[in-house]
C-alpha atoms as a PDB file:
ATOM      1  CA  UNK A   1     108.307  22.370  82.043  1.00  0.00           C
ATOM      2  CA  UNK A   2     110.884  20.304  80.225  1.00  0.00           C
ATOM      3  CA  UNK A   3     108.242  17.652  78.956  1.00  0.00           C
ATOM      4  CA  UNK A   4     106.738  21.127  76.972  1.00  0.00           C
ATOM      5  CA  UNK A   5     110.719  21.777  75.843  1.00  0.00           C
ATOM      6  CA  UNK A   6     111.219  18.624  74.359  1.00  0.00           C
ATOM      7  CA  UNK A   7     107.820  18.503  72.758  1.00  0.00           C
ATOM      8  CA  UNK A   8     108.306  21.480  71.095  1.00  0.00           C
ATOM      9  CA  UNK A   9     111.200  20.190  69.269  1.00  0.00           C
ATOM     10  CA  UNK A  10     110.024  16.735  68.673  1.00  0.00           C
ATOM     11  CA  UNK A  11     107.097  19.067  66.571  1.00  0.00           C
ATOM     12  CA  UNK A  12     110.137  20.615  64.506  1.00  0.00           C
ATOM     13  CA  UNK A  13     111.414  17.751  63.814  1.00  0.00           C
ATOM     14  CA  UNK A  14     108.495  16.113  62.297  1.00  0.00           C
ATOM     15  CA  UNK A  15     107.932  19.112  60.458  1.00  0.00           C
ATOM     16  CA  UNK A  16     111.363  19.367  58.716  1.00  0.00           C
ATOM     17  CA  UNK A  17     111.584  15.669  58.176  1.00  0.00           C
ATOM     18  CA  UNK A  18     109.013  15.565  55.277  1.00  0.00           C
ATOM     19  CA  UNK A  19     107.894  11.929  53.643  1.00  0.00           C
ATOM     20  CA  UNK A  20     111.050   9.818  53.998  1.00  0.00           C
ATOM     21  CA  UNK A  21     111.007   6.052  54.134  1.00  0.00           C
ATOM     22  CA  UNK A  22     111.843   4.379  57.585  1.00  0.00           C
ATOM     23  CA  UNK A  23     114.203   1.839  56.444  1.00  0.00           C
ATOM     24  CA  UNK A  24     116.825   4.426  55.500  1.00  0.00           C
ATOM     25  CA  UNK A  25     117.069   5.020  59.365  1.00  0.00           C
ATOM     26  CA  UNK A  26     118.114   3.295  62.884  1.00  0.00           C
ATOM     27  CA  UNK A  27     115.469   1.594  64.966  1.00  0.00           C
ATOM     28  CA  UNK A  28     115.868   4.580  67.438  1.00  0.00           C
ATOM     29  CA  UNK A  29     115.513   7.008  64.982  1.00  0.00           C
ATOM     30  CA  UNK A  30     111.793   5.828  63.672  1.00  0.00           C
ATOM     31  CA  UNK A  31     111.137   5.273  67.476  1.00  0.00           C
ATOM     32  CA  UNK A  32     111.617   8.622  68.476  1.00  0.00           C
ATOM     33  CA  UNK A  33     110.159   9.559  65.140  1.00  0.00           C
ATOM     34  CA  UNK A  34     107.285   7.733  66.136  1.00  0.00           C
ATOM     35  CA  UNK A  35     106.632   9.469  69.438  1.00  0.00           C
ATOM     36  CA  UNK A  36     107.200  12.748  67.929  1.00  0.00           C
ATOM     37  CA  UNK A  37     104.487  12.376  65.544  1.00  0.00           C
ATOM     38  CA  UNK A  38     101.947  11.453  68.113  1.00  0.00           C
ATOM     39  CA  UNK A  39     103.003  14.534  69.870  1.00  0.00           C
ATOM     40  CA  UNK A  40     102.429  16.669  66.971  1.00  0.00           C
ATOM     41  CA  UNK A  41      98.901  17.663  67.739  1.00  0.00           C
ATOM     42  CA  UNK A  42      97.876  20.016  70.340  1.00  0.00           C
ATOM     43  CA  UNK A  43      95.198  18.322  71.692  1.00  0.00           C
ATOM     44  CA  UNK A  44      97.714  15.101  72.303  1.00  0.00           C
ATOM     45  CA  UNK A  45      99.691  17.530  74.105  1.00  0.00           C
ATOM     46  CA  UNK A  46      96.850  19.158  75.988  1.00  0.00           C
ATOM     47  CA  UNK A  47      96.014  15.337  76.702  1.00  0.00           C
ATOM     48  CA  UNK A  48      99.437  14.510  77.891  1.00  0.00           C
ATOM     49  CA  UNK A  49      99.999  17.227  79.818  1.00  0.00           C
ATOM     50  CA  UNK A  50      97.047  16.804  82.042  1.00  0.00           C
ATOM     51  CA  UNK A  51      97.672  13.197  82.585  1.00  0.00           C
ATOM     52  CA  UNK A  52     101.088  14.518  83.883  1.00  0.00           C
ATOM     53  CA  UNK A  53      99.214  16.907  86.263  1.00  0.00           C
ATOM     54  CA  UNK A  54      96.947  14.182  87.810  1.00  0.00           C
ATOM     55  CA  UNK A  55      99.714  12.215  87.950  1.00  0.00           C
ATOM     56  CA  UNK A  56      97.246   9.203  88.395  1.00  0.00           C
ATOM     57  CA  UNK A  57      95.555   6.455  85.981  1.00  0.00           C
ATOM     58  CA  UNK A  58      92.467   8.718  85.055  1.00  0.00           C
ATOM     59  CA  UNK A  59      89.045   6.668  82.975  1.00  0.00           C
ATOM     60  CA  UNK A  60      86.632   9.311  81.785  1.00  0.00           C
ATOM     61  CA  UNK A  61      87.888  12.786  83.047  1.00  0.00           C
ATOM     62  CA  UNK A  62      89.450  13.674  79.945  1.00  0.00           C
ATOM     63  CA  UNK A  63      86.508  14.894  78.088  1.00  0.00           C
ATOM     64  CA  UNK A  64      85.234  17.396  80.782  1.00  0.00           C
ATOM     65  CA  UNK A  65      88.701  18.660  80.640  1.00  0.00           C
ATOM     66  CA  UNK A  66      89.630  19.585  76.590  1.00  0.00           C
ATOM     67  CA  UNK A  67      86.534  21.318  74.235  1.00  0.00           C
ATOM     68  CA  UNK A  68      86.422  18.038  71.985  1.00  0.00           C
ATOM     69  CA  UNK A  69      83.806  15.270  71.325  1.00  0.00           C
ATOM     70  CA  UNK A  70      84.863  12.084  73.284  1.00  0.00           C
ATOM     71  CA  UNK A  71      85.376  10.157  69.921  1.00  0.00           C
ATOM     72  CA  UNK A  72      87.995  12.707  68.858  1.00  0.00           C
ATOM     73  CA  UNK A  73      89.592  12.273  72.200  1.00  0.00           C
ATOM     74  CA  UNK A  74      89.407   8.182  71.690  1.00  0.00           C
ATOM     75  CA  UNK A  75      91.006   9.053  68.431  1.00  0.00           C
ATOM     76  CA  UNK A  76      93.681  10.738  70.070  1.00  0.00           C
ATOM     77  CA  UNK A  77      94.085   8.768  72.930  1.00  0.00           C
ATOM     78  CA  UNK A  78      94.564   6.022  70.412  1.00  0.00           C
ATOM     79  CA  UNK A  79      97.314   7.715  68.793  1.00  0.00           C
ATOM     80  CA  UNK A  80      99.161   8.108  72.364  1.00  0.00           C
ATOM     81  CA  UNK A  81      98.749   4.915  73.156  1.00  0.00           C
ATOM     82  CA  UNK A  82      99.968   3.113  69.524  1.00  0.00           C
ATOM     83  CA  UNK A  83     102.963   5.343  70.070  1.00  0.00           C
ATOM     84  CA  UNK A  84     103.506   4.111  73.713  1.00  0.00           C
ATOM     85  CA  UNK A  85     103.047   7.384  75.417  1.00  0.00           C
ATOM     86  CA  UNK A  86     100.654   6.182  76.983  1.00  0.00           C
ATOM     87  CA  UNK A  87      99.205   3.091  78.792  1.00  0.00           C
ATOM     88  CA  UNK A  88      95.539   1.584  79.109  1.00  0.00           C
ATOM     89  CA  UNK A  89      93.741  -0.509  81.063  1.00  0.00           C
ATOM     90  CA  UNK A  90      90.259  -2.409  80.921  1.00  0.00           C
ATOM     91  CA  UNK A  91      88.683  -1.391  84.428  1.00  0.00           C
ATOM     92  CA  UNK A  92      84.859  -2.414  83.767  1.00  0.00           C
ATOM     93  CA  UNK A  93      82.937  -0.656  80.601  1.00  0.00           C
ATOM     94  CA  UNK A  94      86.164   1.934  80.900  1.00  0.00           C
ATOM     95  CA  UNK A  95      89.870   2.015  79.901  1.00  0.00           C
ATOM     96  CA  UNK A  96      91.387   3.855  82.099  1.00  0.00           C
ATOM     97  CA  UNK A  97      95.375   6.232  81.430  1.00  0.00           C
ATOM     98  CA  UNK A  98      97.966   6.903  82.307  1.00  0.00           C
ATOM     99  CA  UNK A  99     101.985   7.966  81.083  1.00  0.00           C
ATOM    100  CA  UNK A 100     103.992   5.226  80.131  1.00  0.00           C
ATOM    101  CA  UNK A 101     107.079   6.128  82.361  1.00  0.00           C
ATOM    102  CA  UNK A 102     109.600   4.039  80.004  1.00  0.00           C
ATOM    103  CA  UNK A 103     108.796   5.947  76.494  1.00  0.00           C
ATOM    104  CA  UNK A 104     109.076   9.424  78.659  1.00  0.00           C
ATOM    105  CA  UNK A 105     112.048   7.989  80.025  1.00  0.00           C
ATOM    106  CA  UNK A 106     113.483   7.294  76.497  1.00  0.00           C
ATOM    107  CA  UNK A 107     111.864  10.734  75.072  1.00  0.00           C
ATOM    108  CA  UNK A 108     114.093  12.419  77.854  1.00  0.00           C
ATOM    109  CA  UNK A 109     117.916  10.511  77.615  1.00  0.00           C
ATOM    110  CA  UNK A 110     117.099  11.426  74.424  1.00  0.00           C
ATOM    111  CA  UNK A 111     116.950  15.093  74.314  1.00  0.00           C
ATOM    112  CA  UNK A 112     119.316  14.660  77.133  1.00  0.00           C
ATOM    113  CA  UNK A 113     122.107  13.179  75.043  1.00  0.00           C
ATOM    114  CA  UNK A 114     121.201  15.494  72.294  1.00  0.00           C
ATOM    115  CA  UNK A 115     121.933  18.632  74.816  1.00  0.00           C
ATOM    116  CA  UNK A 116     124.809  17.072  76.256  1.00  0.00           C
ATOM    117  CA  UNK A 117     126.742  16.871  72.229  1.00  0.00           C
ATOM    118  CA  UNK A 118     125.057  20.497  71.620  1.00  0.00           C
ATOM    119  CA  UNK A 119     126.827  21.921  74.221  1.00  0.00           C
ATOM    120  CA  UNK A 120     129.969  20.054  74.095  1.00  0.00           C
ATOM    121  CA  UNK A 121     130.407  21.338  70.337  1.00  0.00           C
ATOM    122  CA  UNK A 122     129.577  24.906  71.350  1.00  0.00           C
ATOM    123  CA  UNK A 123     129.846  26.744  67.831  1.00  0.00           C
ATOM    124  CA  UNK A 124     126.722  27.528  67.121  1.00  0.00           C
ATOM    125  CA  UNK A 125     126.138  29.571  64.389  1.00  0.00           C
END
């Protein structure tokens, strides 16, 4: 799956980045880094994959899909929402989540442009 490739690359970038000051980088770089950081945990990857798989907003089903406690899942959902990767709507006593297409498109565009630049270079070590 194309998203898995992007996620692995982002996790690598974040690990290599270390602790730096964000004001030394562009808004776009900071934005992509924030998204990558949110994707830097396997539980969050599993949540994203589940949301893509069900292809609809879900309200409480995630707890049944992952081997984690409900408060832990809630914290991961919060991180994904803060990064803009998912959206949440309140329906009664529950919050229903779905993929934020705008952020996923931004991420896909970033890697598409990066891939094009790599292909044009064509002189890998």
